[in-house]
């Protein structure tokens, strides 16, 4: 089954940025707020592990938009540079506290470092 909510929320992120378009500093933090809904729950009534990663996707997209990196990637691709991508090549996650139905949270993302091939992000959920 196709998760339309994912695409709708991603489109909403792009629309929200387009209406604001205020860029933040590359080293600033980006914050995305969320809430645990019934379709996010596993059999133990906690947020499903996959939903944590989904929320990190939204936070990462928001960071790319707010810092202007998304526009840079699009420009490079339009200029024929096929090496510009916004993908995750490695991920490490630690679950410290469960999120239950109705809990509000915020996902904070920031760029810690970069080299000639990648950006290194740090994300955490409160």
N, C-alpha and C. Protein backbone atom coordinates (compact mmCIF):
# COMPACT_ATOMS: atom_id res chain seq x y z
N UNK A 1 0.84 -1.18 0.00
CA UNK A 1 0.00 0.00 0.00
C UNK A 1 0.89 1.25 0.00
N UNK A 2 0.53 2.20 -0.80
CA UNK A 2 1.29 3.44 -0.92
C UNK A 2 0.92 4.39 0.21
N UNK A 3 1.92 4.95 0.83
CA UNK A 3 1.70 5.85 1.97
C UNK A 3 1.54 7.28 1.45
N UNK A 4 0.31 7.67 1.18
CA UNK A 4 0.05 9.01 0.66
C UNK A 4 0.39 10.09 1.67
N UNK A 5 0.26 9.78 2.95
CA UNK A 5 0.58 10.76 3.98
C UNK A 5 2.01 11.26 3.89
N UNK A 6 2.93 10.36 3.52
CA UNK A 6 4.34 10.72 3.37
C UNK A 6 4.49 11.78 2.28
N UNK A 7 3.86 11.53 1.13
CA UNK A 7 3.99 12.45 0.00
C UNK A 7 3.27 13.77 0.26
N UNK A 8 2.14 13.70 0.93
CA UNK A 8 1.41 14.93 1.26
C UNK A 8 2.22 15.78 2.23
N UNK A 9 2.80 15.14 3.22
CA UNK A 9 3.58 15.89 4.21
C UNK A 9 4.86 16.46 3.59
N UNK A 10 5.48 15.70 2.68
CA UNK A 10 6.67 16.21 1.98
C UNK A 10 6.30 17.42 1.12
N UNK A 11 5.18 17.32 0.40
CA UNK A 11 4.72 18.45 -0.41
C UNK A 11 4.42 19.66 0.47
N UNK A 12 3.87 19.41 1.65
CA UNK A 12 3.57 20.51 2.58
C UNK A 12 4.86 21.18 3.06
N UNK A 13 5.92 20.39 3.27
CA UNK A 13 7.22 20.97 3.66
C UNK A 13 7.74 21.90 2.56
N UNK A 14 7.67 21.45 1.31
CA UNK A 14 8.13 22.28 0.20
C UNK A 14 7.27 23.53 0.07
N UNK A 15 5.96 23.39 0.23
CA UNK A 15 5.06 24.54 0.12
C UNK A 15 5.30 25.54 1.25
N UNK A 16 5.50 25.03 2.47
CA UNK A 16 5.76 25.92 3.61
C UNK A 16 7.05 26.70 3.38
N UNK A 17 8.08 26.02 2.86
CA UNK A 17 9.33 26.72 2.61
C UNK A 17 9.17 27.74 1.49
N UNK A 18 8.44 27.36 0.44
CA UNK A 18 8.26 28.26 -0.69
C UNK A 18 7.55 29.55 -0.27
N UNK A 19 6.61 29.43 0.67
CA UNK A 19 5.90 30.62 1.12
C UNK A 19 6.74 31.48 2.07
N UNK A 20 7.75 30.89 2.69
CA UNK A 20 8.60 31.61 3.63
C UNK A 20 9.94 31.95 2.98
N UNK A 21 10.62 30.97 2.46
CA UNK A 21 11.90 31.04 1.77
C UNK A 21 12.97 31.83 2.50
N UNK A 22 12.92 31.86 3.80
CA UNK A 22 13.96 32.52 4.59
C UNK A 22 15.02 31.47 4.92
N UNK A 23 16.23 31.67 4.43
CA UNK A 23 17.30 30.70 4.65
C UNK A 23 17.94 30.90 6.01
N UNK A 24 18.35 29.79 6.60
CA UNK A 24 19.08 29.84 7.86
C UNK A 24 20.56 29.58 7.58
N UNK A 25 21.39 29.89 8.54
CA UNK A 25 22.81 29.64 8.44
C UNK A 25 23.04 28.14 8.28
N UNK A 26 24.07 27.78 7.53
CA UNK A 26 24.37 26.37 7.26
C UNK A 26 24.60 25.57 8.54
N UNK A 27 25.09 26.21 9.59
CA UNK A 27 25.37 25.51 10.84
C UNK A 27 24.25 25.65 11.87
N UNK A 28 23.15 26.27 11.49
CA UNK A 28 22.02 26.43 12.42
C UNK A 28 21.22 25.14 12.52
N UNK A 29 20.40 25.07 13.55
CA UNK A 29 19.54 23.91 13.75
C UNK A 29 18.20 24.13 13.06
N UNK A 30 17.68 23.05 12.51
CA UNK A 30 16.35 23.04 11.91
C UNK A 30 15.44 22.22 12.82
N UNK A 31 14.25 22.71 13.08
CA UNK A 31 13.32 22.04 14.00
C UNK A 31 12.02 21.70 13.27
N UNK A 32 11.59 20.44 13.42
CA UNK A 32 10.32 19.97 12.87
C UNK A 32 9.53 19.37 14.02
N UNK A 33 8.27 19.76 14.12
CA UNK A 33 7.40 19.28 15.20
C UNK A 33 6.51 18.16 14.70
N UNK A 34 6.17 17.24 15.60
CA UNK A 34 5.30 16.14 15.22
C UNK A 34 4.50 15.61 16.39
N UNK A 35 3.67 14.64 16.08
CA UNK A 35 2.83 13.99 17.09
C UNK A 35 2.67 12.54 16.68
N UNK A 36 2.59 11.67 17.66
CA UNK A 36 2.41 10.24 17.41
C UNK A 36 0.92 9.94 17.20
N UNK A 37 0.57 9.46 16.03
CA UNK A 37 -0.81 9.15 15.66
C UNK A 37 -1.05 7.64 15.72
N UNK A 38 -2.29 7.20 15.68
CA UNK A 38 -2.57 5.75 15.75
C UNK A 38 -1.88 4.92 14.66
N UNK A 39 -1.73 5.47 13.46
CA UNK A 39 -1.06 4.71 12.40
C UNK A 39 0.46 4.65 12.58
N UNK A 40 1.01 5.34 13.58
CA UNK A 40 2.44 5.29 13.89
C UNK A 40 2.78 4.20 14.89
N UNK A 41 1.78 3.56 15.47
CA UNK A 41 1.99 2.64 16.60
C UNK A 41 2.33 1.23 16.14
N UNK A 42 3.10 0.54 16.98
CA UNK A 42 3.35 -0.89 16.79
C UNK A 42 2.43 -1.67 17.73
N UNK A 43 2.66 -2.98 17.85
CA UNK A 43 1.79 -3.82 18.69
C UNK A 43 1.92 -3.50 20.18
N UNK A 44 3.00 -2.86 20.59
CA UNK A 44 3.19 -2.49 21.99
C UNK A 44 2.67 -1.08 22.31
N UNK A 45 1.99 -0.47 21.37
CA UNK A 45 1.44 0.87 21.51
C UNK A 45 2.52 1.95 21.69
N UNK A 46 3.68 1.72 21.08
CA UNK A 46 4.74 2.71 21.00
C UNK A 46 4.94 3.07 19.54
N UNK A 47 5.59 4.19 19.30
CA UNK A 47 5.88 4.56 17.92
C UNK A 47 6.74 3.47 17.28
N UNK A 48 6.35 3.03 16.10
CA UNK A 48 7.05 2.01 15.34
C UNK A 48 8.46 2.52 14.98
N UNK A 49 9.44 1.62 14.98
CA UNK A 49 10.82 2.02 14.65
C UNK A 49 10.92 2.68 13.28
N UNK A 50 10.17 2.19 12.32
CA UNK A 50 10.21 2.76 10.97
C UNK A 50 9.68 4.20 10.97
N UNK A 51 8.77 4.51 11.85
CA UNK A 51 8.22 5.86 11.91
C UNK A 51 9.23 6.86 12.46
N UNK A 52 10.12 6.41 13.33
CA UNK A 52 11.21 7.29 13.78
C UNK A 52 12.05 7.72 12.57
N UNK A 53 12.36 6.74 11.72
CA UNK A 53 13.17 7.04 10.54
C UNK A 53 12.42 7.93 9.56
N UNK A 54 11.11 7.71 9.46
CA UNK A 54 10.29 8.56 8.60
C UNK A 54 10.32 10.00 9.10
N UNK A 55 10.20 10.19 10.39
CA UNK A 55 10.26 11.54 10.96
C UNK A 55 11.63 12.16 10.72
N UNK A 56 12.68 11.35 10.77
CA UNK A 56 14.02 11.88 10.49
C UNK A 56 14.14 12.31 9.03
N UNK A 57 13.42 11.63 8.12
CA UNK A 57 13.38 12.06 6.72
C UNK A 57 12.79 13.46 6.60
N UNK A 58 11.66 13.68 7.26
CA UNK A 58 11.03 15.00 7.19
C UNK A 58 11.95 16.07 7.77
N UNK A 59 12.62 15.76 8.85
CA UNK A 59 13.54 16.72 9.47
C UNK A 59 14.73 17.00 8.55
N UNK A 60 15.21 15.97 7.87
CA UNK A 60 16.34 16.13 6.94
C UNK A 60 15.92 16.98 5.74
N UNK A 61 14.74 16.73 5.20
CA UNK A 61 14.24 17.53 4.08
C UNK A 61 14.11 18.99 4.50
N UNK A 62 13.57 19.22 5.67
CA UNK A 62 13.42 20.58 6.18
C UNK A 62 14.78 21.27 6.30
N UNK A 63 15.77 20.56 6.82
CA UNK A 63 17.12 21.13 6.94
C UNK A 63 17.68 21.49 5.57
N UNK A 64 17.53 20.60 4.59
CA UNK A 64 18.04 20.88 3.24
C UNK A 64 17.36 22.11 2.64
N UNK A 65 16.07 22.23 2.85
CA UNK A 65 15.34 23.39 2.32
C UNK A 65 15.74 24.68 3.03
N UNK A 66 15.78 24.64 4.35
CA UNK A 66 16.04 25.85 5.13
C UNK A 66 17.46 26.38 4.96
N UNK A 67 18.42 25.52 4.69
CA UNK A 67 19.80 25.96 4.51
C UNK A 67 20.12 26.32 3.06
N UNK A 68 19.22 25.99 2.13
CA UNK A 68 19.47 26.26 0.72
C UNK A 68 20.22 25.15 0.01
N UNK A 69 20.53 24.08 0.72
CA UNK A 69 21.25 22.97 0.10
C UNK A 69 20.40 22.28 -0.97
N UNK A 70 19.10 22.21 -0.76
CA UNK A 70 18.23 21.57 -1.75
C UNK A 70 18.31 22.31 -3.08
N UNK A 71 18.25 23.64 -3.04
CA UNK A 71 18.34 24.43 -4.27
C UNK A 71 19.69 24.24 -4.95
N UNK A 72 20.75 24.12 -4.17
CA UNK A 72 22.08 23.89 -4.73
C UNK A 72 22.16 22.54 -5.43
N UNK A 73 21.55 21.53 -4.83
CA UNK A 73 21.54 20.19 -5.44
C UNK A 73 20.77 20.23 -6.76
N UNK A 74 19.62 20.88 -6.76
CA UNK A 74 18.81 20.97 -7.97
C UNK A 74 19.56 21.71 -9.07
N UNK A 75 20.24 22.81 -8.73
CA UNK A 75 21.01 23.57 -9.73
C UNK A 75 22.13 22.72 -10.32
N UNK A 76 22.84 21.98 -9.47
CA UNK A 76 23.92 21.12 -9.96
C UNK A 76 23.38 20.05 -10.91
N UNK A 77 22.24 19.47 -10.58
CA UNK A 77 21.64 18.45 -11.43
C UNK A 77 21.21 19.05 -12.77
N UNK A 78 20.68 20.27 -12.75
CA UNK A 78 20.26 20.92 -13.99
C UNK A 78 21.45 21.26 -14.87
N UNK A 79 22.60 21.50 -14.26
CA UNK A 79 23.81 21.82 -15.01
C UNK A 79 24.55 20.58 -15.48
N UNK A 80 23.93 19.41 -15.34
CA UNK A 80 24.53 18.18 -15.85
C UNK A 80 25.44 17.46 -14.87
N UNK A 81 25.55 17.93 -13.65
CA UNK A 81 26.39 17.26 -12.65
C UNK A 81 25.54 16.20 -11.96
N UNK A 82 25.68 14.97 -12.40
CA UNK A 82 24.84 13.88 -11.91
C UNK A 82 25.29 13.35 -10.55
N UNK A 83 26.34 13.92 -9.98
CA UNK A 83 26.86 13.42 -8.70
C UNK A 83 26.17 14.07 -7.50
N UNK A 84 25.24 14.99 -7.73
CA UNK A 84 24.58 15.69 -6.63
C UNK A 84 23.31 14.93 -6.23
N UNK A 85 23.31 14.41 -5.01
CA UNK A 85 22.17 13.65 -4.50
C UNK A 85 21.90 14.02 -3.05
N UNK A 86 20.67 13.82 -2.64
CA UNK A 86 20.31 13.98 -1.23
C UNK A 86 19.87 12.62 -0.72
N UNK A 87 20.83 11.79 -0.39
CA UNK A 87 20.51 10.46 0.09
C UNK A 87 21.31 10.13 1.34
N UNK A 88 20.82 9.16 2.07
CA UNK A 88 21.47 8.73 3.31
C UNK A 88 22.35 7.54 2.97
N UNK A 89 23.64 7.64 3.26
CA UNK A 89 24.54 6.52 2.98
C UNK A 89 24.83 5.70 4.22
N UNK A 90 24.63 6.26 5.40
CA UNK A 90 24.82 5.51 6.65
C UNK A 90 23.96 6.15 7.72
N UNK A 91 23.55 5.32 8.68
CA UNK A 91 22.66 5.80 9.72
C UNK A 91 22.91 4.99 10.98
N UNK A 92 22.97 5.69 12.10
CA UNK A 92 23.06 5.03 13.40
C UNK A 92 21.98 5.63 14.28
N UNK A 93 21.22 4.78 14.95
CA UNK A 93 20.11 5.28 15.76
C UNK A 93 20.14 4.62 17.13
N UNK A 94 19.83 5.41 18.15
CA UNK A 94 19.71 4.90 19.52
C UNK A 94 18.33 5.29 20.03
N UNK A 95 17.60 4.29 20.50
CA UNK A 95 16.27 4.55 21.07
C UNK A 95 16.42 4.67 22.58
N UNK A 96 16.15 5.84 23.10
CA UNK A 96 16.34 6.08 24.54
C UNK A 96 15.03 6.15 25.31
N UNK A 97 13.98 6.55 24.66
CA UNK A 97 12.69 6.69 25.33
C UNK A 97 11.59 6.45 24.29
N UNK A 98 10.56 5.74 24.70
CA UNK A 98 9.47 5.45 23.75
C UNK A 98 8.54 6.65 23.62
N UNK A 99 7.93 6.73 22.46
CA UNK A 99 6.92 7.75 22.20
C UNK A 99 5.60 7.01 22.06
N UNK A 100 4.60 7.47 22.78
CA UNK A 100 3.31 6.79 22.80
C UNK A 100 2.25 7.63 22.11
N UNK A 101 1.09 7.05 21.93
CA UNK A 101 -0.02 7.69 21.23
C UNK A 101 -0.31 9.08 21.80
N UNK A 102 -0.35 10.06 20.90
CA UNK A 102 -0.67 11.43 21.29
C UNK A 102 0.51 12.26 21.75
N UNK A 103 1.66 11.64 21.99
CA UNK A 103 2.83 12.39 22.44
C UNK A 103 3.29 13.36 21.35
N UNK A 104 3.60 14.57 21.77
CA UNK A 104 4.19 15.57 20.87
C UNK A 104 5.71 15.46 20.99
N UNK A 105 6.39 15.77 19.89
CA UNK A 105 7.85 15.73 19.90
C UNK A 105 8.37 16.75 18.90
N UNK A 106 9.65 17.04 19.02
CA UNK A 106 10.30 17.85 18.00
C UNK A 106 11.57 17.14 17.57
N UNK A 107 11.85 17.24 16.29
CA UNK A 107 13.03 16.62 15.69
C UNK A 107 13.97 17.76 15.32
N UNK A 108 15.16 17.73 15.86
CA UNK A 108 16.15 18.78 15.62
C UNK A 108 17.26 18.20 14.75
N UNK A 109 17.64 18.93 13.72
CA UNK A 109 18.68 18.49 12.79
C UNK A 109 19.71 19.59 12.63
N UNK A 110 20.94 19.18 12.47
CA UNK A 110 21.99 20.17 12.16
C UNK A 110 23.13 19.47 11.43
N UNK A 111 23.88 20.27 10.71
CA UNK A 111 25.05 19.77 9.99
C UNK A 111 26.24 19.90 10.92
N UNK A 112 26.91 18.79 11.18
CA UNK A 112 28.09 18.81 12.05
C UNK A 112 29.38 19.06 11.29
N UNK A 113 29.47 18.48 10.10
CA UNK A 113 30.71 18.60 9.32
C UNK A 113 30.41 18.25 7.87
N UNK A 114 31.40 18.47 7.01
CA UNK A 114 31.29 18.04 5.62
C UNK A 114 32.68 17.86 5.06
N UNK A 115 32.75 17.09 3.99
CA UNK A 115 33.99 16.93 3.25
C UNK A 115 33.65 17.09 1.77
N UNK A 116 34.55 16.65 0.88
CA UNK A 116 34.31 16.86 -0.54
C UNK A 116 33.20 15.97 -1.12
N UNK A 117 32.73 14.98 -0.36
CA UNK A 117 31.70 14.08 -0.88
C UNK A 117 30.41 14.04 -0.08
N UNK A 118 30.42 14.49 1.16
CA UNK A 118 29.24 14.27 2.00
C UNK A 118 29.10 15.33 3.09
N UNK A 119 27.87 15.46 3.56
CA UNK A 119 27.56 16.22 4.76
C UNK A 119 27.30 15.22 5.87
N UNK A 120 27.68 15.57 7.09
CA UNK A 120 27.47 14.69 8.24
C UNK A 120 26.49 15.40 9.17
N UNK A 121 25.33 14.79 9.32
CA UNK A 121 24.24 15.39 10.08
C UNK A 121 24.10 14.74 11.44
N UNK A 122 23.57 15.50 12.36
CA UNK A 122 23.18 14.99 13.67
C UNK A 122 21.71 15.34 13.84
N UNK A 123 20.94 14.35 14.26
CA UNK A 123 19.52 14.57 14.49
C UNK A 123 19.14 13.97 15.82
N UNK A 124 18.24 14.64 16.54
CA UNK A 124 17.73 14.05 17.77
C UNK A 124 16.29 14.46 17.95
N UNK A 125 15.59 13.62 18.68
CA UNK A 125 14.16 13.82 18.92
C UNK A 125 13.94 14.10 20.40
N UNK A 126 13.15 15.12 20.69
CA UNK A 126 12.84 15.47 22.08
C UNK A 126 11.33 15.34 22.27
